[in-house]
Full PDB file with SEQRES, HELIX, SHEET, SSBOND, CRYST1, ORIGX, SCALE, CONECT and MASTER records, all heavy atoms in Angstrom:
SEQRES   1 A   35  ALA LEU VAL ASP GLY GLU PRO PHE ASP ALA LEU THR LEU          
SEQRES   2 A   35  ASP THR GLY ASP ALA PRO ALA VAL VAL GLU ARG VAL ASP          
SEQRES   3 A   35  ASP LEU LEU ALA PRO GLY GLY ARG LEU                          
HELIX    1 AA1 ALA A   18  VAL A   22  1                                   5    
HELIX    2 AA2 VAL A   25  ASP A   27  5                                   3    
SHEET    1 AA1 2 PHE A   8  ALA A  10  0                                        
SHEET    2 AA1 2 LEU A  29  ARG A  34  1                                        
CRYST1    1.000    1.000    1.000  90.00  90.00  90.00 P 1           1          
ORIGX1      1.000000  0.000000  0.000000        0.00000                         
ORIGX2      0.000000  1.000000  0.000000        0.00000                         
ORIGX3      0.000000  0.000000  1.000000        0.00000                         
SCALE1      1.000000  0.000000  0.000000        0.00000                         
SCALE2      0.000000  1.000000  0.000000        0.00000                         
SCALE3      0.000000  0.000000  1.000000        0.00000                         
ATOM      1  N   ALA A   1       0.821  -1.213  -0.001  1.00  0.00           N  
ATOM      2  CA  ALA A   1      -0.002  -0.002  -0.009  1.00  0.00           C  
ATOM      3  C   ALA A   1       0.847   1.247   0.002  1.00  0.00           C  
ATOM      4  O   ALA A   1       0.543   2.233  -0.711  1.00  0.00           O  
ATOM      5  CB  ALA A   1      -0.933  -0.023   1.217  1.00  0.00           C  
ATOM      6  N   LEU A   2       1.921   1.221   0.753  1.00  0.00           N  
ATOM      7  CA  LEU A   2       2.806   2.409   0.805  1.00  0.00           C  
ATOM      8  C   LEU A   2       3.535   2.689  -0.475  1.00  0.00           C  
ATOM      9  O   LEU A   2       3.756   3.851  -0.841  1.00  0.00           O  
ATOM     10  CB  LEU A   2       3.808   2.252   1.975  1.00  0.00           C  
ATOM     11  CG  LEU A   2       3.241   2.262   3.383  1.00  0.00           C  
ATOM     12  CD1 LEU A   2       4.276   1.810   4.394  1.00  0.00           C  
ATOM     13  CD2 LEU A   2       2.728   3.682   3.740  1.00  0.00           C  
ATOM     14  N   VAL A   3       3.912   1.615  -1.178  1.00  0.00           N  
ATOM     15  CA  VAL A   3       4.609   1.802  -2.439  1.00  0.00           C  
ATOM     16  C   VAL A   3       3.782   2.560  -3.436  1.00  0.00           C  
ATOM     17  O   VAL A   3       4.268   3.328  -4.302  1.00  0.00           O  
ATOM     18  CB  VAL A   3       5.007   0.416  -3.027  1.00  0.00           C  
ATOM     19  CG1 VAL A   3       5.401   0.522  -4.496  1.00  0.00           C  
ATOM     20  CG2 VAL A   3       6.168  -0.172  -2.223  1.00  0.00           C  
ATOM     21  N   ASP A   4       2.456   2.399  -3.386  1.00  0.00           N  
ATOM     22  CA  ASP A   4       1.553   3.080  -4.314  1.00  0.00           C  
ATOM     23  C   ASP A   4       1.356   4.559  -3.978  1.00  0.00           C  
ATOM     24  O   ASP A   4       0.768   5.300  -4.768  1.00  0.00           O  
ATOM     25  CB  ASP A   4       0.194   2.402  -4.330  1.00  0.00           C  
ATOM     26  CG  ASP A   4       0.268   0.992  -4.915  1.00  0.00           C  
ATOM     27  OD1 ASP A   4       1.171   0.747  -5.739  1.00  0.00           O  
ATOM     28  OD2 ASP A   4      -0.588   0.161  -4.554  1.00  0.00           O  
ATOM     29  N   GLY A   5       1.853   4.992  -2.808  1.00  0.00           N  
ATOM     30  CA  GLY A   5       1.662   6.392  -2.412  1.00  0.00           C  
ATOM     31  C   GLY A   5       2.843   7.262  -2.768  1.00  0.00           C  
ATOM     32  O   GLY A   5       3.748   6.841  -3.536  1.00  0.00           O  
ATOM     33  N   GLU A   6       2.860   8.437  -2.254  1.00  0.00           N  
ATOM     34  CA  GLU A   6       3.972   9.385  -2.495  1.00  0.00           C  
ATOM     35  C   GLU A   6       5.251   8.900  -1.855  1.00  0.00           C  
ATOM     36  O   GLU A   6       5.236   8.383  -0.743  1.00  0.00           O  
ATOM     37  CB  GLU A   6       3.570  10.775  -1.904  1.00  0.00           C  
ATOM     38  CG  GLU A   6       4.579  11.867  -2.191  1.00  0.00           C  
ATOM     39  CD  GLU A   6       4.155  13.217  -1.572  1.00  0.00           C  
ATOM     40  OE1 GLU A   6       2.987  13.293  -1.135  1.00  0.00           O  
ATOM     41  OE2 GLU A   6       4.983  14.139  -1.540  1.00  0.00           O  
ATOM     42  N   PRO A   7       6.355   9.002  -2.534  1.00  0.00           N  
ATOM     43  CA  PRO A   7       7.644   8.491  -1.976  1.00  0.00           C  
ATOM     44  C   PRO A   7       8.075   9.255  -0.727  1.00  0.00           C  
ATOM     45  O   PRO A   7       7.732  10.406  -0.576  1.00  0.00           O  
ATOM     46  CB  PRO A   7       8.617   8.618  -3.126  1.00  0.00           C  
ATOM     47  CG  PRO A   7       8.065   9.705  -3.994  1.00  0.00           C  
ATOM     48  CD  PRO A   7       6.596   9.575  -3.882  1.00  0.00           C  
ATOM     49  N   PHE A   8       8.819   8.577   0.046  1.00  0.00           N  
ATOM     50  CA  PHE A   8       9.368   9.196   1.293  1.00  0.00           C  
ATOM     51  C   PHE A   8      10.775   9.672   1.049  1.00  0.00           C  
ATOM     52  O   PHE A   8      11.519   9.189   0.182  1.00  0.00           O  
ATOM     53  CB  PHE A   8       9.401   8.156   2.430  1.00  0.00           C  
ATOM     54  CG  PHE A   8       8.004   7.751   2.861  1.00  0.00           C  
ATOM     55  CD1 PHE A   8       7.354   6.691   2.290  1.00  0.00           C  
ATOM     56  CD2 PHE A   8       7.359   8.444   3.885  1.00  0.00           C  
ATOM     57  CE1 PHE A   8       6.087   6.299   2.705  1.00  0.00           C  
ATOM     58  CE2 PHE A   8       6.100   8.055   4.281  1.00  0.00           C  
ATOM     59  CZ  PHE A   8       5.449   7.002   3.696  1.00  0.00           C  
ATOM     60  N   ASP A   9      11.179  10.678   1.840  1.00  0.00           N  
ATOM     61  CA  ASP A   9      12.537  11.222   1.734  1.00  0.00           C  
ATOM     62  C   ASP A   9      13.523  10.446   2.535  1.00  0.00           C  
ATOM     63  O   ASP A   9      14.761  10.500   2.259  1.00  0.00           O  
ATOM     64  CB  ASP A   9      12.549  12.679   2.203  1.00  0.00           C  
ATOM     65  CG  ASP A   9      11.614  13.558   1.344  1.00  0.00           C  
ATOM     66  OD1 ASP A   9      11.902  13.741   0.175  1.00  0.00           O  
ATOM     67  OD2 ASP A   9      10.592  14.018   1.884  1.00  0.00           O  
ATOM     68  N   ALA A  10      13.071   9.716   3.570  1.00  0.00           N  
ATOM     69  CA  ALA A  10      13.959   8.924   4.389  1.00  0.00           C  
ATOM     70  C   ALA A  10      13.182   7.792   5.031  1.00  0.00           C  
ATOM     71  O   ALA A  10      11.991   7.872   5.243  1.00  0.00           O  
ATOM     72  CB  ALA A  10      14.601   9.774   5.454  1.00  0.00           C  
ATOM     73  N   LEU A  11      13.915   6.687   5.281  1.00  0.00           N  
ATOM     74  CA  LEU A  11      13.357   5.545   5.958  1.00  0.00           C  
ATOM     75  C   LEU A  11      14.272   5.229   7.141  1.00  0.00           C  
ATOM     76  O   LEU A  11      15.481   5.062   6.966  1.00  0.00           O  
ATOM     77  CB  LEU A  11      13.275   4.346   5.026  1.00  0.00           C  
ATOM     78  CG  LEU A  11      12.909   2.987   5.690  1.00  0.00           C  
ATOM     79  CD1 LEU A  11      11.505   3.003   6.234  1.00  0.00           C  
ATOM     80  CD2 LEU A  11      13.057   1.849   4.671  1.00  0.00           C  
ATOM     81  N   THR A  12      13.699   5.157   8.336  1.00  0.00           N  
ATOM     82  CA  THR A  12      14.431   4.863   9.540  1.00  0.00           C  
ATOM     83  C   THR A  12      13.859   3.598  10.189  1.00  0.00           C  
ATOM     84  O   THR A  12      12.640   3.537  10.431  1.00  0.00           O  
ATOM     85  CB  THR A  12      14.435   6.017  10.536  1.00  0.00           C  
ATOM     86  OG1 THR A  12      13.076   6.376  10.865  1.00  0.00           O  
ATOM     87  CG2 THR A  12      15.129   7.219   9.954  1.00  0.00           C  
ATOM     88  N   LEU A  13      14.699   2.623  10.474  1.00  0.00           N  
ATOM     89  CA  LEU A  13      14.247   1.323  10.969  1.00  0.00           C  
ATOM     90  C   LEU A  13      14.952   0.948  12.238  1.00  0.00           C  
ATOM     91  O   LEU A  13      16.181   1.076  12.352  1.00  0.00           O  
ATOM     92  CB  LEU A  13      14.503   0.234   9.902  1.00  0.00           C  
ATOM     93  CG  LEU A  13      13.855   0.425   8.546  1.00  0.00           C  
ATOM     94  CD1 LEU A  13      14.358  -0.636   7.555  1.00  0.00           C  
ATOM     95  CD2 LEU A  13      12.330   0.296   8.701  1.00  0.00           C  
ATOM     96  N   ASP A  14      14.206   0.474  13.209  1.00  0.00           N  
ATOM     97  CA  ASP A  14      14.741  -0.113  14.449  1.00  0.00           C  
ATOM     98  C   ASP A  14      13.968  -1.354  14.745  1.00  0.00           C  
ATOM     99  O   ASP A  14      13.275  -1.495  15.741  1.00  0.00           O  
ATOM    100  CB  ASP A  14      14.613   0.919  15.575  1.00  0.00           C  
ATOM    101  CG  ASP A  14      15.214   0.435  16.875  1.00  0.00           C  
ATOM    102  OD1 ASP A  14      15.834  -0.658  16.892  1.00  0.00           O  
ATOM    103  OD2 ASP A  14      15.052   1.143  17.933  1.00  0.00           O  
ATOM    104  N   THR A  15      14.057  -2.329  13.835  1.00  0.00           N  
ATOM    105  CA  THR A  15      13.310  -3.552  13.919  1.00  0.00           C  
ATOM    106  C   THR A  15      14.180  -4.770  13.570  1.00  0.00           C  
ATOM    107  O   THR A  15      15.133  -4.640  12.796  1.00  0.00           O  
ATOM    108  CB  THR A  15      12.102  -3.525  12.934  1.00  0.00           C  
ATOM    109  OG1 THR A  15      12.585  -3.457  11.583  1.00  0.00           O  
ATOM    110  CG2 THR A  15      11.161  -2.388  13.225  1.00  0.00           C  
ATOM    111  N   GLY A  16      13.801  -5.921  14.069  1.00  0.00           N  
ATOM    112  CA  GLY A  16      14.559  -7.117  13.789  1.00  0.00           C  
ATOM    113  C   GLY A  16      14.471  -7.581  12.325  1.00  0.00           C  
ATOM    114  O   GLY A  16      15.394  -8.243  11.833  1.00  0.00           O  
ATOM    115  N   ASP A  17      13.370  -7.218  11.647  1.00  0.00           N  
ATOM    116  CA  ASP A  17      13.200  -7.620  10.260  1.00  0.00           C  
ATOM    117  C   ASP A  17      13.616  -6.517   9.279  1.00  0.00           C  
ATOM    118  O   ASP A  17      13.196  -6.523   8.124  1.00  0.00           O  
ATOM    119  CB  ASP A  17      11.772  -8.021   9.987  1.00  0.00           C  
ATOM    120  CG  ASP A  17      10.776  -6.901  10.228  1.00  0.00           C  
ATOM    121  OD1 ASP A  17      11.214  -5.803  10.640  1.00  0.00           O  
ATOM    122  OD2 ASP A  17       9.557  -7.123  10.038  1.00  0.00           O  
ATOM    123  N   ALA A  18      14.455  -5.596   9.727  1.00  0.00           N  
ATOM    124  CA  ALA A  18      14.880  -4.519   8.877  1.00  0.00           C  
ATOM    125  C   ALA A  18      15.462  -4.947   7.523  1.00  0.00           C  
ATOM    126  O   ALA A  18      15.156  -4.338   6.469  1.00  0.00           O  
ATOM    127  CB  ALA A  18      15.886  -3.636   9.631  1.00  0.00           C  
ATOM    128  N   PRO A  19      16.282  -6.009   7.497  1.00  0.00           N  
ATOM    129  CA  PRO A  19      16.841  -6.407   6.178  1.00  0.00           C  
ATOM    130  C   PRO A  19      15.748  -6.722   5.164  1.00  0.00           C  
ATOM    131  O   PRO A  19      15.903  -6.411   3.961  1.00  0.00           O  
ATOM    132  CB  PRO A  19      17.682  -7.649   6.539  1.00  0.00           C  
ATOM    133  CG  PRO A  19      18.107  -7.428   7.944  1.00  0.00           C  
ATOM    134  CD  PRO A  19      16.932  -6.771   8.561  1.00  0.00           C  
ATOM    135  N   ALA A  20      14.653  -7.340   5.565  1.00  0.00           N  
ATOM    136  CA  ALA A  20      13.547  -7.670   4.631  1.00  0.00           C  
ATOM    137  C   ALA A  20      12.930  -6.421   4.103  1.00  0.00           C  
ATOM    138  O   ALA A  20      12.448  -6.356   2.955  1.00  0.00           O  
ATOM    139  CB  ALA A  20      12.548  -8.555   5.344  1.00  0.00           C  
ATOM    140  N   VAL A  21      12.840  -5.368   4.940  1.00  0.00           N  
ATOM    141  CA  VAL A  21      12.267  -4.111   4.475  1.00  0.00           C  
ATOM    142  C   VAL A  21      13.237  -3.404   3.526  1.00  0.00           C  
ATOM    143  O   VAL A  21      12.814  -2.859   2.499  1.00  0.00           O  
ATOM    144  CB  VAL A  21      11.957  -3.198   5.703  1.00  0.00           C  
ATOM    145  CG1 VAL A  21      11.371  -1.865   5.196  1.00  0.00           C  
ATOM    146  CG2 VAL A  21      10.959  -3.890   6.636  1.00  0.00           C  
ATOM    147  N   VAL A  22      14.491  -3.481   3.849  1.00  0.00           N  
ATOM    148  CA  VAL A  22      15.514  -2.803   3.012  1.00  0.00           C  
ATOM    149  C   VAL A  22      15.497  -3.365   1.568  1.00  0.00           C  
ATOM    150  O   VAL A  22      15.745  -2.628   0.636  1.00  0.00           O  
ATOM    151  CB  VAL A  22      16.919  -3.002   3.653  1.00  0.00           C  
ATOM    152  CG1 VAL A  22      18.012  -2.474   2.690  1.00  0.00           C  
ATOM    153  CG2 VAL A  22      16.978  -2.211   4.979  1.00  0.00           C  
ATOM    154  N   GLU A  23      15.187  -4.638   1.459  1.00  0.00           N  
ATOM    155  CA  GLU A  23      15.148  -5.228   0.110  1.00  0.00           C  
ATOM    156  C   GLU A  23      14.149  -4.515  -0.824  1.00  0.00           C  
ATOM    157  O   GLU A  23      14.327  -4.523  -2.060  1.00  0.00           O  
ATOM    158  CB  GLU A  23      14.789  -6.708   0.219  1.00  0.00           C  
ATOM    159  CG  GLU A  23      15.877  -7.548   0.892  1.00  0.00           C  
ATOM    160  CD  GLU A  23      15.406  -8.956   1.076  1.00  0.00           C  
ATOM    161  OE1 GLU A  23      14.277  -9.294   0.733  1.00  0.00           O  
ATOM    162  OE2 GLU A  23      16.204  -9.781   1.577  1.00  0.00           O  
ATOM    163  N   ARG A  24      13.118  -3.905  -0.231  1.00  0.00           N  
ATOM    164  CA  ARG A  24      12.106  -3.208  -1.078  1.00  0.00           C  
ATOM    165  C   ARG A  24      12.091  -1.736  -0.880  1.00  0.00           C  
ATOM    166  O   ARG A  24      11.218  -1.079  -1.405  1.00  0.00           O  
ATOM    167  CB  ARG A  24      10.734  -3.768  -0.676  1.00  0.00           C  
ATOM    168  CG  ARG A  24      10.551  -5.279  -0.990  1.00  0.00           C  
ATOM    169  CD  ARG A  24       9.095  -5.679  -0.796  1.00  0.00           C  
ATOM    170  NE  ARG A  24       8.221  -4.864  -1.668  1.00  0.00           N  
ATOM    171  CZ  ARG A  24       6.883  -4.861  -1.524  1.00  0.00           C  
ATOM    172  NH1 ARG A  24       6.320  -5.592  -0.592  1.00  0.00           N  
ATOM    173  NH2 ARG A  24       6.146  -4.108  -2.319  1.00  0.00           N  
ATOM    174  N   VAL A  25      13.096  -1.210  -0.177  1.00  0.00           N  
ATOM    175  CA  VAL A  25      13.001   0.193   0.232  1.00  0.00           C  
ATOM    176  C   VAL A  25      13.170   1.149  -0.965  1.00  0.00           C  
ATOM    177  O   VAL A  25      12.699   2.277  -0.941  1.00  0.00           O  
ATOM    178  CB  VAL A  25      14.053   0.511   1.314  1.00  0.00           C  
ATOM    179  CG1 VAL A  25      15.433   0.558   0.676  1.00  0.00           C  
ATOM    180  CG2 VAL A  25      13.745   1.802   2.018  1.00  0.00           C  
ATOM    181  N   ASP A  26      13.812   0.697  -2.037  1.00  0.00           N  
ATOM    182  CA  ASP A  26      13.997   1.606  -3.199  1.00  0.00           C  
ATOM    183  C   ASP A  26      12.650   1.957  -3.860  1.00  0.00           C  
ATOM    184  O   ASP A  26      12.502   2.947  -4.556  1.00  0.00           O  
ATOM    185  CB  ASP A  26      14.941   1.004  -4.231  1.00  0.00           C  
ATOM    186  CG  ASP A  26      14.457  -0.348  -4.752  1.00  0.00           C  
ATOM    187  OD1 ASP A  26      13.808  -1.068  -4.001  1.00  0.00           O  
ATOM    188  OD2 ASP A  26      14.722  -0.636  -5.898  1.00  0.00           O  
ATOM    189  N   ASP A  27      11.608   1.102  -3.589  1.00  0.00           N  
ATOM    190  CA  ASP A  27      10.271   1.417  -4.127  1.00  0.00           C  
ATOM    191  C   ASP A  27       9.562   2.429  -3.219  1.00  0.00           C  
ATOM    192  O   ASP A  27       8.550   3.020  -3.677  1.00  0.00           O  
ATOM    193  CB  ASP A  27       9.422   0.161  -4.152  1.00  0.00           C  
ATOM    194  CG  ASP A  27       9.951  -0.892  -5.119  1.00  0.00           C  
ATOM    195  OD1 ASP A  27      10.488  -0.483  -6.166  1.00  0.00           O  
ATOM    196  OD2 ASP A  27       9.796  -2.101  -4.862  1.00  0.00           O  
ATOM    197  N   LEU A  28      10.070   2.651  -2.039  1.00  0.00           N  
ATOM    198  CA  LEU A  28       9.439   3.563  -1.088  1.00  0.00           C  
ATOM    199  C   LEU A  28      10.062   4.942  -1.085  1.00  0.00           C  
ATOM    200  O   LEU A  28       9.421   5.919  -0.774  1.00  0.00           O  
ATOM    201  CB  LEU A  28       9.477   3.003   0.333  1.00  0.00           C  
ATOM    202  CG  LEU A  28       8.722   1.714   0.602  1.00  0.00           C  
ATOM    203  CD1 LEU A  28       9.126   1.129   1.967  1.00  0.00           C  
ATOM    204  CD2 LEU A  28       7.261   1.954   0.536  1.00  0.00           C  
ATOM    205  N   LEU A  29      11.366   4.998  -1.408  1.00  0.00           N  
ATOM    206  CA  LEU A  29      12.106   6.252  -1.266  1.00  0.00           C  
ATOM    207  C   LEU A  29      12.198   7.033  -2.571  1.00  0.00           C  
ATOM    208  O   LEU A  29      12.247   6.460  -3.660  1.00  0.00           O  
ATOM    209  CB  LEU A  29      13.527   5.962  -0.807  1.00  0.00           C  
ATOM    210  CG  LEU A  29      13.721   5.544   0.653  1.00  0.00           C  
ATOM    211  CD1 LEU A  29      15.175   5.153   0.965  1.00  0.00           C  
ATOM    212  CD2 LEU A  29      13.243   6.645   1.590  1.00  0.00           C  
ATOM    213  N   ALA A  30      12.181   8.343  -2.450  1.00  0.00           N  
ATOM    214  CA  ALA A  30      12.405   9.235  -3.588  1.00  0.00           C  
ATOM    215  C   ALA A  30      13.852   9.050  -4.051  1.00  0.00           C  
ATOM    216  O   ALA A  30      14.720   8.628  -3.267  1.00  0.00           O  
ATOM    217  CB  ALA A  30      12.131  10.669  -3.208  1.00  0.00           C  
ATOM    218  N   PRO A  31      14.139   9.373  -5.308  1.00  0.00           N  
ATOM    219  CA  PRO A  31      15.555   9.273  -5.753  1.00  0.00           C  
ATOM    220  C   PRO A  31      16.488  10.043  -4.798  1.00  0.00           C  
ATOM    221  O   PRO A  31      16.243  11.217  -4.511  1.00  0.00           O  
ATOM    222  CB  PRO A  31      15.504   9.889  -7.149  1.00  0.00           C  
ATOM    223  CG  PRO A  31      14.124   9.664  -7.624  1.00  0.00           C  
ATOM    224  CD  PRO A  31      13.255   9.802  -6.368  1.00  0.00           C  
ATOM    225  N   GLY A  32      17.537   9.380  -4.360  1.00  0.00           N  
ATOM    226  CA  GLY A  32      18.499  10.016  -3.463  1.00  0.00           C  
ATOM    227  C   GLY A  32      18.042  10.022  -1.996  1.00  0.00           C  
ATOM    228  O   GLY A  32      18.708  10.572  -1.174  1.00  0.00           O  
ATOM    229  N   GLY A  33      16.893   9.397  -1.746  1.00  0.00           N  
ATOM    230  CA  GLY A  33      16.384   9.314  -0.379  1.00  0.00           C  
ATOM    231  C   GLY A  33      17.348   8.533   0.534  1.00  0.00           C  
ATOM    232  O   GLY A  33      18.165   7.739   0.065  1.00  0.00           O  
ATOM    233  N   ARG A  34      17.245   8.785   1.823  1.00  0.00           N  
ATOM    234  CA  ARG A  34      18.221   8.230   2.781  1.00  0.00           C  
ATOM    235  C   ARG A  34      17.606   7.123   3.625  1.00  0.00           C  
ATOM    236  O   ARG A  34      16.426   7.129   3.981  1.00  0.00           O  
ATOM    237  CB  ARG A  34      18.712   9.343   3.699  1.00  0.00           C  
ATOM    238  CG  ARG A  34      19.453  10.474   2.982  1.00  0.00           C  
ATOM    239  CD  ARG A  34      20.793   9.999   2.504  1.00  0.00           C  
ATOM    240  NE  ARG A  34      21.498  11.074   1.799  1.00  0.00           N  
ATOM    241  CZ  ARG A  34      22.814  11.050   1.488  1.00  0.00           C  
ATOM    242  NH1 ARG A  34      23.562  10.007   1.853  1.00  0.00           N  
ATOM    243  NH2 ARG A  34      23.382  12.050   0.847  1.00  0.00           N  
ATOM    244  N   LEU A  35      18.484   6.136   3.908  1.00  0.00           N  
ATOM    245  CA  LEU A  35      18.099   5.003   4.729  1.00  0.00           C  
ATOM    246  C   LEU A  35      18.953   4.987   5.988  1.00  0.00           C  
ATOM    247  O   LEU A  35      20.163   5.228   5.935  1.00  0.00           O  
ATOM    248  CB  LEU A  35      18.326   3.697   3.956  1.00  0.00           C  
ATOM    249  CG  LEU A  35      18.295   2.410   4.775  1.00  0.00           C  
ATOM    250  CD1 LEU A  35      16.885   2.078   5.229  1.00  0.00           C  
ATOM    251  CD2 LEU A  35      18.871   1.221   3.926  1.00  0.00           C  
TER     252      LEU A  35                                                      
MASTER        0    0    0    2    2    0    0    6  251    1    0    3          
END                                                                             
């Protein structure tokens, strides 16, 4: 659902499953966005 919305400028994660989210994070972030 989030991928279909406006991209984010940054993604901050403090979770045990962070690597699984990182695999798809380029679909969530604007070009040059920060992780």
